[in-house]
Amino acid sequence: MTVNTLGVLLVDDHEVVRAGYHRLLESDDGIRVVAQATTGDEACRLYQQHHPDVVVMDLTMPGISGLEASRRILAHDATARILVFSVHENEVMLGRALDMGIRGYISKRSASRVMIEAVRQVAAGEIYIGQEMMSYLVRHKASTDSNSVAGLSTREFEVFQLLVDSKSVNEIADILNLSPKTVGHHVAHIKSKLGISSIADMTRLAIRLGIISP
């Protein structure tokens, strides 16, 4: 890899998706995929091993999410440059990503057209938001529902995502390496902050915000 070549860590749990974007990125002579990860945990390990210029991160993967993996990477290296590419097109996920220091967000439906430009801009230390996400950026600033979810801590939001994905307290504890008691405390705090009393209410809120599909 030459001095001017950008090294990319590509993170997605689908082999076909990774293969396609690997080819796309390396069609640019100035970009090289230095490593690929299939889970958030693996992404954290490979980041410390390779220290890529840019991490291209999916959000939805087995185990910890791309947001949690990004949080851990940024906690280890505050200068990490992370570009999210995701099927999630909503103000909540975009807002959480930007608030934690992720520098770019594009949707998977536009990624094939803008990926190389986005990687280069993020590598240069700039913010890149896909054109299709701009309306959600406006909604993020105005939505009462999204503002209520924005009040959750990073860990609480991670638990919230897993709860509305029908994971039990014990399953969440295993995924996040926490005790069930600690997860239970997080659930109580989430309900209190959101002003709701049941997992069903959380699920309805997540559907309304586009975090999950009906």
N, C-alpha and C. Protein backbone atom coordinates (compact mmCIF):
# COMPACT_ATOMS: atom_id res chain seq x y z
N MET A 1 0.85 -1.19 0.00
CA MET A 1 0.00 0.00 0.00
C MET A 1 0.89 1.24 0.00
N THR A 2 0.68 2.15 -0.95
CA THR A 2 1.49 3.34 -1.03
C THR A 2 1.10 4.34 0.05
N VAL A 3 1.93 5.37 0.22
CA VAL A 3 1.71 6.36 1.28
C VAL A 3 0.36 7.03 1.12
N ASN A 4 -0.06 7.28 -0.12
CA ASN A 4 -1.29 8.02 -0.38
C ASN A 4 -2.53 7.14 -0.50
N THR A 5 -2.37 5.84 -0.33
CA THR A 5 -3.51 4.93 -0.41
C THR A 5 -4.28 4.92 0.90
N LEU A 6 -5.60 5.00 0.79
CA LEU A 6 -6.45 4.96 1.97
C LEU A 6 -6.77 3.51 2.33
N GLY A 7 -6.53 3.13 3.57
CA GLY A 7 -6.87 1.80 4.05
C GLY A 7 -8.26 1.79 4.66
N VAL A 8 -9.09 0.83 4.25
CA VAL A 8 -10.48 0.75 4.69
C VAL A 8 -10.74 -0.57 5.40
N LEU A 9 -11.42 -0.52 6.53
CA LEU A 9 -11.96 -1.69 7.20
C LEU A 9 -13.43 -1.77 6.83
N LEU A 10 -13.84 -2.84 6.17
CA LEU A 10 -15.21 -3.03 5.69
C LEU A 10 -15.95 -3.97 6.63
N VAL A 11 -17.08 -3.51 7.17
CA VAL A 11 -17.80 -4.27 8.20
C VAL A 11 -19.24 -4.51 7.76
N ASP A 12 -19.57 -5.77 7.48
CA ASP A 12 -20.93 -6.16 7.13
C ASP A 12 -21.03 -7.67 7.30
N ASP A 13 -22.16 -8.16 7.77
CA ASP A 13 -22.26 -9.59 8.04
C ASP A 13 -22.66 -10.42 6.82
N HIS A 14 -22.94 -9.78 5.70
CA HIS A 14 -23.33 -10.52 4.50
C HIS A 14 -22.15 -10.60 3.52
N GLU A 15 -21.74 -11.82 3.22
CA GLU A 15 -20.56 -12.03 2.38
C GLU A 15 -20.72 -11.42 0.99
N VAL A 16 -21.90 -11.55 0.40
CA VAL A 16 -22.13 -11.02 -0.94
C VAL A 16 -22.02 -9.49 -0.94
N VAL A 17 -22.57 -8.87 0.10
CA VAL A 17 -22.50 -7.41 0.21
C VAL A 17 -21.04 -6.96 0.35
N ARG A 18 -20.30 -7.64 1.21
CA ARG A 18 -18.89 -7.27 1.40
C ARG A 18 -18.11 -7.43 0.10
N ALA A 19 -18.36 -8.52 -0.61
CA ALA A 19 -17.63 -8.77 -1.85
C ALA A 19 -17.90 -7.66 -2.87
N GLY A 20 -19.16 -7.23 -2.95
CA GLY A 20 -19.52 -6.19 -3.90
C GLY A 20 -18.85 -4.86 -3.58
N TYR A 21 -18.89 -4.48 -2.31
CA TYR A 21 -18.28 -3.20 -1.93
C TYR A 21 -16.76 -3.26 -1.91
N HIS A 22 -16.22 -4.45 -1.66
CA HIS A 22 -14.76 -4.63 -1.76
C HIS A 22 -14.32 -4.31 -3.20
N ARG A 23 -15.02 -4.88 -4.16
CA ARG A 23 -14.68 -4.62 -5.57
C ARG A 23 -14.86 -3.15 -5.91
N LEU A 24 -15.95 -2.57 -5.44
CA LEU A 24 -16.21 -1.15 -5.72
C LEU A 24 -15.11 -0.26 -5.16
N LEU A 25 -14.75 -0.46 -3.90
CA LEU A 25 -13.74 0.39 -3.27
C LEU A 25 -12.38 0.24 -3.95
N GLU A 26 -12.02 -0.99 -4.27
CA GLU A 26 -10.69 -1.20 -4.85
C GLU A 26 -10.66 -0.93 -6.36
N SER A 27 -11.82 -0.53 -6.93
CA SER A 27 -11.80 -0.05 -8.31
C SER A 27 -11.14 1.33 -8.37
N ASP A 28 -11.02 1.96 -7.22
CA ASP A 28 -10.29 3.22 -7.10
C ASP A 28 -8.85 2.90 -6.71
N ASP A 29 -7.90 3.35 -7.50
CA ASP A 29 -6.49 3.01 -7.25
C ASP A 29 -5.98 3.55 -5.91
N GLY A 30 -6.68 4.53 -5.35
CA GLY A 30 -6.21 5.14 -4.11
C GLY A 30 -6.82 4.55 -2.85
N ILE A 31 -7.59 3.46 -3.00
CA ILE A 31 -8.26 2.85 -1.84
C ILE A 31 -7.93 1.36 -1.80
N ARG A 32 -7.65 0.86 -0.61
CA ARG A 32 -7.43 -0.57 -0.43
C ARG A 32 -8.20 -1.05 0.80
N VAL A 33 -8.92 -2.15 0.65
CA VAL A 33 -9.61 -2.77 1.80
C VAL A 33 -8.57 -3.60 2.55
N VAL A 34 -8.19 -3.14 3.74
CA VAL A 34 -7.13 -3.81 4.49
C VAL A 34 -7.65 -4.95 5.36
N ALA A 35 -8.97 -4.95 5.64
CA ALA A 35 -9.55 -6.02 6.45
C ALA A 35 -11.06 -5.98 6.31
N GLN A 36 -11.70 -7.13 6.58
CA GLN A 36 -13.15 -7.23 6.55
C GLN A 36 -13.63 -7.89 7.84
N ALA A 37 -14.74 -7.41 8.38
CA ALA A 37 -15.30 -7.97 9.60
C ALA A 37 -16.77 -8.32 9.37
N THR A 38 -17.21 -9.37 10.05
CA THR A 38 -18.61 -9.82 9.91
C THR A 38 -19.45 -9.49 11.15
N THR A 39 -18.80 -9.08 12.24
CA THR A 39 -19.51 -8.72 13.47
C THR A 39 -18.90 -7.45 14.06
N GLY A 40 -19.65 -6.84 14.97
CA GLY A 40 -19.14 -5.66 15.65
C GLY A 40 -17.92 -5.96 16.50
N ASP A 41 -17.94 -7.09 17.18
CA ASP A 41 -16.79 -7.47 18.01
C ASP A 41 -15.54 -7.63 17.15
N GLU A 42 -15.69 -8.29 16.01
CA GLU A 42 -14.56 -8.50 15.11
C GLU A 42 -14.06 -7.16 14.57
N ALA A 43 -14.98 -6.24 14.29
CA ALA A 43 -14.58 -4.92 13.80
C ALA A 43 -13.70 -4.19 14.82
N CYS A 44 -14.06 -4.30 16.09
CA CYS A 44 -13.26 -3.65 17.14
C CYS A 44 -11.85 -4.24 17.19
N ARG A 45 -11.75 -5.56 17.09
CA ARG A 45 -10.43 -6.21 17.13
C ARG A 45 -9.60 -5.82 15.91
N LEU A 46 -10.22 -5.84 14.74
CA LEU A 46 -9.48 -5.55 13.52
C LEU A 46 -9.08 -4.08 13.43
N TYR A 47 -9.89 -3.21 14.02
CA TYR A 47 -9.50 -1.79 14.02
C TYR A 47 -8.19 -1.61 14.79
N GLN A 48 -8.10 -2.22 15.95
CA GLN A 48 -6.88 -2.09 16.74
C GLN A 48 -5.68 -2.75 16.06
N GLN A 49 -5.94 -3.77 15.26
CA GLN A 49 -4.86 -4.47 14.56
C GLN A 49 -4.36 -3.69 13.34
N HIS A 50 -5.29 -3.07 12.59
CA HIS A 50 -4.92 -2.46 11.30
C HIS A 50 -4.90 -0.93 11.31
N HIS A 51 -5.62 -0.30 12.25
CA HIS A 51 -5.73 1.16 12.30
C HIS A 51 -6.01 1.76 10.91
N PRO A 52 -7.14 1.37 10.32
CA PRO A 52 -7.47 1.86 8.97
C PRO A 52 -7.75 3.35 8.96
N ASP A 53 -7.67 3.94 7.77
CA ASP A 53 -8.00 5.37 7.63
C ASP A 53 -9.50 5.60 7.78
N VAL A 54 -10.29 4.65 7.30
CA VAL A 54 -11.75 4.77 7.37
C VAL A 54 -12.35 3.40 7.68
N VAL A 55 -13.36 3.39 8.55
CA VAL A 55 -14.17 2.19 8.79
C VAL A 55 -15.50 2.38 8.08
N VAL A 56 -15.86 1.46 7.20
CA VAL A 56 -17.17 1.47 6.55
C VAL A 56 -18.03 0.45 7.30
N MET A 57 -19.01 0.95 8.02
CA MET A 57 -19.70 0.16 9.05
C MET A 57 -21.19 -0.01 8.78
N ASP A 58 -21.63 -1.26 8.68
CA ASP A 58 -23.07 -1.56 8.68
C ASP A 58 -23.58 -1.41 10.11
N LEU A 59 -24.88 -1.16 10.27
CA LEU A 59 -25.42 -0.99 11.62
C LEU A 59 -26.05 -2.25 12.18
N THR A 60 -26.63 -3.09 11.33
CA THR A 60 -27.37 -4.25 11.81
C THR A 60 -26.57 -5.52 11.56
N MET A 61 -26.07 -6.11 12.65
CA MET A 61 -25.27 -7.33 12.56
C MET A 61 -25.58 -8.22 13.75
N PRO A 62 -25.21 -9.50 13.68
CA PRO A 62 -25.38 -10.37 14.84
C PRO A 62 -24.56 -9.84 16.02
N GLY A 63 -25.06 -10.05 17.24
CA GLY A 63 -24.33 -9.56 18.41
C GLY A 63 -24.48 -8.07 18.57
N ILE A 64 -23.38 -7.39 18.90
CA ILE A 64 -23.47 -5.94 19.10
C ILE A 64 -23.71 -5.25 17.76
N SER A 65 -24.42 -4.13 17.81
CA SER A 65 -24.74 -3.41 16.58
C SER A 65 -23.56 -2.60 16.09
N GLY A 66 -23.72 -2.06 14.88
CA GLY A 66 -22.68 -1.19 14.35
C GLY A 66 -22.50 0.07 15.17
N LEU A 67 -23.58 0.56 15.78
CA LEU A 67 -23.46 1.74 16.64
C LEU A 67 -22.61 1.42 17.87
N GLU A 68 -22.85 0.29 18.49
CA GLU A 68 -22.07 -0.08 19.67
C GLU A 68 -20.62 -0.34 19.29
N ALA A 69 -20.39 -0.99 18.16
CA ALA A 69 -19.02 -1.21 17.71
C ALA A 69 -18.33 0.12 17.45
N SER A 70 -19.05 1.06 16.86
CA SER A 70 -18.49 2.40 16.62
C SER A 70 -18.16 3.09 17.93
N ARG A 71 -19.06 2.97 18.90
CA ARG A 71 -18.80 3.60 20.20
C ARG A 71 -17.52 3.06 20.81
N ARG A 72 -17.32 1.74 20.72
CA ARG A 72 -16.12 1.13 21.31
C ARG A 72 -14.87 1.56 20.56
N ILE A 73 -14.95 1.64 19.24
CA ILE A 73 -13.80 2.07 18.46
C ILE A 73 -13.44 3.52 18.80
N LEU A 74 -14.45 4.38 18.88
CA LEU A 74 -14.21 5.78 19.19
C LEU A 74 -13.72 5.98 20.63
N ALA A 75 -14.15 5.09 21.53
CA ALA A 75 -13.65 5.16 22.91
C ALA A 75 -12.16 4.81 22.94
N HIS A 76 -11.75 3.90 22.07
CA HIS A 76 -10.34 3.50 21.98
C HIS A 76 -9.52 4.55 21.24
N ASP A 77 -10.14 5.15 20.19
CA ASP A 77 -9.44 6.12 19.35
C ASP A 77 -10.44 7.19 18.91
N ALA A 78 -10.39 8.33 19.60
CA ALA A 78 -11.35 9.41 19.31
C ALA A 78 -11.19 9.99 17.92
N THR A 79 -10.06 9.71 17.26
CA THR A 79 -9.83 10.24 15.91
C THR A 79 -10.32 9.29 14.82
N ALA A 80 -10.87 8.14 15.21
CA ALA A 80 -11.34 7.16 14.22
C ALA A 80 -12.36 7.80 13.28
N ARG A 81 -12.26 7.48 12.00
CA ARG A 81 -13.17 8.03 11.00
C ARG A 81 -14.07 6.91 10.49
N ILE A 82 -15.33 7.02 10.85
CA ILE A 82 -16.29 5.94 10.58
C ILE A 82 -17.38 6.45 9.64
N LEU A 83 -17.63 5.67 8.59
CA LEU A 83 -18.70 5.94 7.64
C LEU A 83 -19.73 4.82 7.76
N VAL A 84 -20.94 5.16 8.13
CA VAL A 84 -22.03 4.19 8.21
C VAL A 84 -22.69 4.03 6.85
N PHE A 85 -22.93 2.78 6.45
CA PHE A 85 -23.81 2.53 5.30
C PHE A 85 -24.85 1.53 5.78
N SER A 86 -26.12 1.90 5.65
CA SER A 86 -27.16 1.14 6.34
C SER A 86 -28.47 1.15 5.59
N VAL A 87 -29.29 0.13 5.87
CA VAL A 87 -30.66 0.12 5.35
C VAL A 87 -31.55 1.05 6.16
N HIS A 88 -31.08 1.47 7.34
CA HIS A 88 -31.88 2.34 8.21
C HIS A 88 -31.86 3.77 7.68
N GLU A 89 -33.00 4.23 7.21
CA GLU A 89 -33.13 5.62 6.78
C GLU A 89 -34.15 6.30 7.68
N ASN A 90 -33.68 6.82 8.80
CA ASN A 90 -34.56 7.53 9.73
C ASN A 90 -33.74 8.48 10.58
N GLU A 91 -34.44 9.42 11.20
CA GLU A 91 -33.75 10.48 11.95
C GLU A 91 -33.10 9.97 13.22
N VAL A 92 -33.63 8.89 13.80
CA VAL A 92 -33.09 8.40 15.07
C VAL A 92 -31.69 7.82 14.87
N MET A 93 -31.55 6.89 13.92
CA MET A 93 -30.26 6.26 13.70
C MET A 93 -29.23 7.27 13.21
N LEU A 94 -29.65 8.17 12.34
CA LEU A 94 -28.75 9.22 11.86
C LEU A 94 -28.30 10.11 13.01
N GLY A 95 -29.24 10.51 13.85
CA GLY A 95 -28.90 11.37 14.98
C GLY A 95 -27.97 10.69 15.97
N ARG A 96 -28.24 9.43 16.29
CA ARG A 96 -27.36 8.70 17.22
C ARG A 96 -25.94 8.61 16.65
N ALA A 97 -25.86 8.32 15.36
CA ALA A 97 -24.55 8.18 14.73
C ALA A 97 -23.76 9.49 14.80
N LEU A 98 -24.39 10.59 14.43
CA LEU A 98 -23.68 11.87 14.41
C LEU A 98 -23.32 12.31 15.83
N ASP A 99 -24.23 12.08 16.78
CA ASP A 99 -23.99 12.52 18.16
C ASP A 99 -22.80 11.80 18.78
N MET A 100 -22.53 10.56 18.36
CA MET A 100 -21.42 9.82 18.97
C MET A 100 -20.09 10.05 18.26
N GLY A 101 -20.12 10.81 17.16
CA GLY A 101 -18.87 11.14 16.50
C GLY A 101 -18.60 10.42 15.19
N ILE A 102 -19.59 9.66 14.71
CA ILE A 102 -19.47 9.05 13.38
C ILE A 102 -19.51 10.17 12.34
N ARG A 103 -18.63 10.07 11.33
CA ARG A 103 -18.44 11.20 10.42
C ARG A 103 -19.23 11.12 9.12
N GLY A 104 -19.81 9.97 8.83
CA GLY A 104 -20.55 9.85 7.58
C GLY A 104 -21.70 8.87 7.69
N TYR A 105 -22.76 9.12 6.92
CA TYR A 105 -23.93 8.24 6.94
C TYR A 105 -24.53 8.23 5.54
N ILE A 106 -24.55 7.05 4.92
CA ILE A 106 -25.20 6.89 3.62
C ILE A 106 -26.10 5.66 3.67
N SER A 107 -27.12 5.65 2.84
CA SER A 107 -28.02 4.48 2.80
C SER A 107 -27.46 3.46 1.82
N LYS A 108 -27.83 2.21 2.05
CA LYS A 108 -27.34 1.16 1.16
C LYS A 108 -27.90 1.30 -0.25
N ARG A 109 -29.05 1.94 -0.39
CA ARG A 109 -29.62 2.06 -1.75
C ARG A 109 -28.83 3.06 -2.60
N SER A 110 -28.08 3.95 -1.95
CA SER A 110 -27.28 4.90 -2.73
C SER A 110 -25.78 4.63 -2.63
N ALA A 111 -25.41 3.65 -1.80
CA ALA A 111 -23.99 3.44 -1.49
C ALA A 111 -23.14 3.16 -2.73
N SER A 112 -23.70 2.41 -3.67
CA SER A 112 -22.90 2.06 -4.85
C SER A 112 -22.53 3.30 -5.66
N ARG A 113 -23.32 4.37 -5.57
CA ARG A 113 -23.06 5.59 -6.33
C ARG A 113 -22.12 6.54 -5.58
N VAL A 114 -22.19 6.55 -4.26
CA VAL A 114 -21.48 7.61 -3.51
C VAL A 114 -20.39 7.08 -2.58
N MET A 115 -20.22 5.76 -2.50
CA MET A 115 -19.31 5.18 -1.51
C MET A 115 -17.89 5.75 -1.60
N ILE A 116 -17.33 5.78 -2.80
CA ILE A 116 -15.94 6.23 -2.93
C ILE A 116 -15.81 7.70 -2.54
N GLU A 117 -16.73 8.54 -3.00
CA GLU A 117 -16.71 9.95 -2.62
C GLU A 117 -16.83 10.10 -1.10
N ALA A 118 -17.74 9.32 -0.49
CA ALA A 118 -17.96 9.40 0.95
C ALA A 118 -16.72 8.98 1.72
N VAL A 119 -16.07 7.90 1.30
CA VAL A 119 -14.86 7.43 1.97
C VAL A 119 -13.78 8.50 1.90
N ARG A 120 -13.59 9.10 0.74
CA ARG A 120 -12.55 10.11 0.59
C ARG A 120 -12.84 11.35 1.46
N GLN A 121 -14.11 11.74 1.52
CA GLN A 121 -14.46 12.93 2.30
C GLN A 121 -14.28 12.67 3.79
N VAL A 122 -14.72 11.50 4.25
CA VAL A 122 -14.57 11.15 5.66
C VAL A 122 -13.09 11.02 6.02
N ALA A 123 -12.30 10.43 5.12
CA ALA A 123 -10.86 10.28 5.36
C ALA A 123 -10.19 11.65 5.49
N ALA A 124 -10.74 12.65 4.81
CA ALA A 124 -10.18 14.00 4.86
C ALA A 124 -10.62 14.76 6.11
N GLY A 125 -11.42 14.08 6.97
CA GLY A 125 -11.85 14.72 8.21
C GLY A 125 -13.13 15.51 8.10
N GLU A 126 -13.83 15.36 6.97
CA GLU A 126 -15.08 16.09 6.75
C GLU A 126 -16.28 15.19 7.08
N ILE A 127 -17.44 15.82 7.17
CA ILE A 127 -18.69 15.09 7.39
C ILE A 127 -19.34 14.82 6.05
N TYR A 128 -19.84 13.59 5.88
CA TYR A 128 -20.54 13.25 4.64
C TYR A 128 -21.90 12.65 5.00
N ILE A 129 -22.96 13.33 4.61
CA ILE A 129 -24.32 12.82 4.80
C ILE A 129 -24.93 12.63 3.41
N GLY A 130 -25.39 11.43 3.12
CA GLY A 130 -25.99 11.15 1.82
C GLY A 130 -27.18 12.05 1.57
N GLN A 131 -27.37 12.43 0.30
CA GLN A 131 -28.46 13.33 -0.05
C GLN A 131 -29.80 12.79 0.41
N GLU A 132 -29.97 11.45 0.34
CA GLU A 132 -31.24 10.84 0.72
C GLU A 132 -31.50 10.93 2.22
N MET A 133 -30.47 11.29 3.00
CA MET A 133 -30.61 11.39 4.45
C MET A 133 -30.89 12.81 4.93
N MET A 134 -30.85 13.79 4.05
CA MET A 134 -30.97 15.18 4.48
C MET A 134 -32.31 15.50 5.13
N SER A 135 -33.38 14.92 4.58
CA SER A 135 -34.70 15.19 5.17
C SER A 135 -34.78 14.63 6.58
N TYR A 136 -34.08 13.50 6.82
CA TYR A 136 -34.08 12.91 8.16
C TYR A 136 -33.25 13.75 9.12
N LEU A 137 -32.24 14.43 8.61
CA LEU A 137 -31.45 15.32 9.45
C LEU A 137 -32.34 16.46 9.96
N VAL A 138 -33.20 16.98 9.10
CA VAL A 138 -34.14 18.04 9.51
C VAL A 138 -35.14 17.49 10.52
N ARG A 139 -35.67 16.30 10.25
CA ARG A 139 -36.64 15.70 11.18
C ARG A 139 -36.02 15.42 12.54
N HIS A 140 -34.76 14.98 12.53
CA HIS A 140 -34.06 14.70 13.79
C HIS A 140 -34.07 15.92 14.70
N LYS A 141 -33.94 17.10 14.13
CA LYS A 141 -33.89 18.31 14.93
C LYS A 141 -35.27 18.74 15.42
N ALA A 142 -36.33 18.23 14.75
CA ALA A 142 -37.68 18.71 15.05
C ALA A 142 -38.58 17.70 15.76
N SER A 143 -38.26 16.41 15.68
CA SER A 143 -39.17 15.36 16.15
C SER A 143 -39.15 15.19 17.66
N THR A 144 -40.33 15.26 18.27
CA THR A 144 -40.44 15.02 19.72
C THR A 144 -40.10 13.58 20.06
N ASP A 145 -40.60 12.63 19.26
CA ASP A 145 -40.30 11.23 19.50
C ASP A 145 -38.81 10.95 19.43
N SER A 146 -38.15 11.47 18.39
CA SER A 146 -36.72 11.20 18.24
C SER A 146 -35.94 11.88 19.35
N ASN A 147 -36.43 13.04 19.82
CA ASN A 147 -35.75 13.72 20.93
C ASN A 147 -35.86 12.91 22.21
N SER A 148 -36.98 12.21 22.41
CA SER A 148 -37.12 11.39 23.61
C SER A 148 -36.15 10.23 23.58
N VAL A 149 -36.00 9.60 22.42
CA VAL A 149 -35.05 8.50 22.29
C VAL A 149 -33.62 9.02 22.37
N ALA A 150 -33.39 10.25 21.90
CA ALA A 150 -32.06 10.84 21.97
C ALA A 150 -31.59 11.01 23.41
N GLY A 151 -32.55 11.02 24.36
CA GLY A 151 -32.20 11.16 25.77
C GLY A 151 -31.64 9.89 26.38
N LEU A 152 -31.71 8.77 25.65
CA LEU A 152 -31.14 7.53 26.14
C LEU A 152 -29.62 7.56 26.00
N SER A 153 -28.93 6.98 26.97
CA SER A 153 -27.49 6.85 26.84
C SER A 153 -27.18 5.85 25.72
N THR A 154 -25.92 5.79 25.31
CA THR A 154 -25.52 4.85 24.26
C THR A 154 -25.86 3.42 24.65
N ARG A 155 -25.55 3.04 25.89
CA ARG A 155 -25.84 1.69 26.35
C ARG A 155 -27.34 1.45 26.41
N GLU A 156 -28.11 2.43 26.88
CA GLU A 156 -29.56 2.27 26.96
C GLU A 156 -30.16 2.12 25.57
N PHE A 157 -29.65 2.87 24.61
CA PHE A 157 -30.17 2.76 23.24
C PHE A 157 -29.87 1.38 22.67
N GLU A 158 -28.68 0.84 22.99
CA GLU A 158 -28.32 -0.50 22.54
C GLU A 158 -29.29 -1.54 23.11
N VAL A 159 -29.60 -1.42 24.40
CA VAL A 159 -30.56 -2.32 25.04
C VAL A 159 -31.95 -2.14 24.41
N PHE A 160 -32.33 -0.89 24.18
CA PHE A 160 -33.62 -0.57 23.54
C PHE A 160 -33.74 -1.27 22.19
N GLN A 161 -32.68 -1.19 21.36
CA GLN A 161 -32.70 -1.84 20.05
C GLN A 161 -32.90 -3.35 20.17
N LEU A 162 -32.20 -3.95 21.13
CA LEU A 162 -32.30 -5.40 21.29
C LEU A 162 -33.66 -5.81 21.85
N LEU A 163 -34.23 -5.01 22.74
CA LEU A 163 -35.56 -5.31 23.28
C LEU A 163 -36.61 -5.31 22.18
N VAL A 164 -36.58 -4.29 21.33
CA VAL A 164 -37.60 -4.21 20.28
C VAL A 164 -37.33 -5.22 19.16
N ASP A 165 -36.14 -5.84 19.21
CA ASP A 165 -35.83 -6.94 18.29
C ASP A 165 -36.19 -8.28 18.92
N SER A 166 -37.01 -8.23 19.97
CA SER A 166 -37.55 -9.42 20.64
C SER A 166 -36.52 -10.24 21.41
N LYS A 167 -35.42 -9.61 21.81
CA LYS A 167 -34.43 -10.30 22.63
C LYS A 167 -34.85 -10.24 24.10
N SER A 168 -34.62 -11.34 24.83
CA SER A 168 -34.93 -11.39 26.26
C SER A 168 -33.82 -10.71 27.05
N VAL A 169 -34.08 -10.46 28.32
CA VAL A 169 -33.07 -9.85 29.19
C VAL A 169 -31.82 -10.72 29.24
N ASN A 170 -32.00 -12.03 29.35
CA ASN A 170 -30.84 -12.94 29.41
C ASN A 170 -30.06 -12.94 28.10
N GLU A 171 -30.77 -12.89 26.97
CA GLU A 171 -30.09 -12.84 25.67
C GLU A 171 -29.30 -11.55 25.52
N ILE A 172 -29.90 -10.45 25.96
CA ILE A 172 -29.22 -9.15 25.88
C ILE A 172 -27.97 -9.16 26.76
N ALA A 173 -28.10 -9.75 27.94
CA ALA A 173 -26.95 -9.85 28.85
C ALA A 173 -25.80 -10.60 28.19
N ASP A 174 -26.12 -11.69 27.50
CA ASP A 174 -25.08 -12.47 26.81
C ASP A 174 -24.44 -11.67 25.68
N ILE A 175 -25.26 -10.98 24.88
CA ILE A 175 -24.75 -10.23 23.74
C ILE A 175 -23.84 -9.09 24.18
N LEU A 176 -24.23 -8.39 25.24
CA LEU A 176 -23.50 -7.19 25.67
C LEU A 176 -22.51 -7.46 26.80
N ASN A 177 -22.39 -8.72 27.18
CA ASN A 177 -21.46 -9.10 28.27
C ASN A 177 -21.79 -8.35 29.56
N LEU A 178 -23.07 -8.33 29.90
CA LEU A 178 -23.54 -7.70 31.13
C LEU A 178 -24.27 -8.75 31.97
N SER A 179 -24.51 -8.44 33.21
CA SER A 179 -25.33 -9.32 34.04
C SER A 179 -26.80 -9.05 33.75
N PRO A 180 -27.67 -10.05 33.89
CA PRO A 180 -29.10 -9.81 33.71
C PRO A 180 -29.62 -8.70 34.63
N LYS A 181 -29.07 -8.62 35.84
CA LYS A 181 -29.50 -7.57 36.76
C LYS A 181 -29.20 -6.19 36.20
N THR A 182 -28.01 -6.03 35.61
CA THR A 182 -27.64 -4.74 35.03
C THR A 182 -28.55 -4.40 33.85
N VAL A 183 -28.85 -5.40 33.01
CA VAL A 183 -29.76 -5.17 31.90
C VAL A 183 -31.14 -4.76 32.42
N GLY A 184 -31.57 -5.41 33.50
CA GLY A 184 -32.86 -5.06 34.09
C GLY A 184 -32.90 -3.61 34.55
N HIS A 185 -31.80 -3.13 35.12
CA HIS A 185 -31.72 -1.72 35.52
C HIS A 185 -31.83 -0.80 34.30
N HIS A 186 -31.14 -1.19 33.21
CA HIS A 186 -31.21 -0.39 31.99
C HIS A 186 -32.65 -0.34 31.45
N VAL A 187 -33.34 -1.48 31.49
CA VAL A 187 -34.72 -1.53 31.00
C VAL A 187 -35.60 -0.58 31.81
N ALA A 188 -35.42 -0.59 33.12
CA ALA A 188 -36.20 0.30 33.98
C ALA A 188 -35.93 1.77 33.65
N HIS A 189 -34.66 2.10 33.43
CA HIS A 189 -34.30 3.49 33.10
C HIS A 189 -34.88 3.90 31.74
N ILE A 190 -34.85 2.97 30.79
CA ILE A 190 -35.39 3.25 29.46
C ILE A 190 -36.89 3.56 29.55
N LYS A 191 -37.61 2.71 30.27
CA LYS A 191 -39.06 2.93 30.42
C LYS A 191 -39.34 4.27 31.07
N SER A 192 -38.55 4.61 32.09
CA SER A 192 -38.74 5.87 32.79
C SER A 192 -38.47 7.06 31.87
N LYS A 193 -37.36 7.00 31.13
CA LYS A 193 -36.99 8.12 30.27
C LYS A 193 -37.99 8.31 29.11
N LEU A 194 -38.51 7.20 28.60
CA LEU A 194 -39.43 7.28 27.47
C LEU A 194 -40.88 7.48 27.91
N GLY A 195 -41.13 7.32 29.20
CA GLY A 195 -42.48 7.47 29.72
C GLY A 195 -43.42 6.39 29.25
N ILE A 196 -42.89 5.16 29.11
CA ILE A 196 -43.70 4.03 28.68
C ILE A 196 -43.53 2.89 29.68
N SER A 197 -44.48 1.95 29.66
CA SER A 197 -44.50 0.94 30.71
C SER A 197 -44.30 -0.49 30.23
N SER A 198 -44.22 -0.70 28.92
CA SER A 198 -44.13 -2.08 28.43
C SER A 198 -43.22 -2.18 27.20
N ILE A 199 -42.77 -3.40 26.94
CA ILE A 199 -41.97 -3.66 25.76
C ILE A 199 -42.82 -3.42 24.50
N ALA A 200 -44.11 -3.73 24.59
CA ALA A 200 -45.00 -3.50 23.44
C ALA A 200 -45.03 -2.02 23.07
N ASP A 201 -45.06 -1.15 24.08
CA ASP A 201 -45.04 0.29 23.82
C ASP A 201 -43.71 0.71 23.19
N MET A 202 -42.62 0.12 23.67
CA MET A 202 -41.30 0.39 23.07
C MET A 202 -41.30 -0.01 21.60
N THR A 203 -41.87 -1.17 21.31
CA THR A 203 -41.89 -1.68 19.94
C THR A 203 -42.69 -0.75 19.04
N ARG A 204 -43.84 -0.28 19.52
CA ARG A 204 -44.66 0.64 18.73
C ARG A 204 -43.89 1.94 18.45
N LEU A 205 -43.16 2.43 19.47
CA LEU A 205 -42.36 3.63 19.28
C LEU A 205 -41.26 3.39 18.24
N ALA A 206 -40.60 2.24 18.31
CA ALA A 206 -39.53 1.92 17.38
C ALA A 206 -40.07 1.82 15.95
N ILE A 207 -41.27 1.27 15.78
CA ILE A 207 -41.90 1.18 14.45
C ILE A 207 -42.23 2.59 13.94
N ARG A 208 -42.77 3.43 14.83
CA ARG A 208 -43.14 4.79 14.45
C ARG A 208 -41.93 5.60 13.99
N LEU A 209 -40.77 5.32 14.61
CA LEU A 209 -39.55 6.05 14.27
C LEU A 209 -38.77 5.41 13.13
N GLY A 210 -39.24 4.25 12.66
CA GLY A 210 -38.55 3.60 11.56
C GLY A 210 -37.32 2.80 11.96
N ILE A 211 -37.18 2.55 13.27
CA ILE A 211 -36.03 1.77 13.74
C ILE A 211 -36.19 0.30 13.38
N ILE A 212 -37.43 -0.17 13.42
CA ILE A 212 -37.75 -1.53 12.97
C ILE A 212 -38.96 -1.45 12.05
N SER A 213 -39.15 -2.50 11.25
CA SER A 213 -40.32 -2.56 10.35
C SER A 213 -41.49 -3.19 11.07
N PRO A 214 -42.72 -2.81 10.71
CA PRO A 214 -43.91 -3.41 11.35
C PRO A 214 -43.93 -4.91 11.15
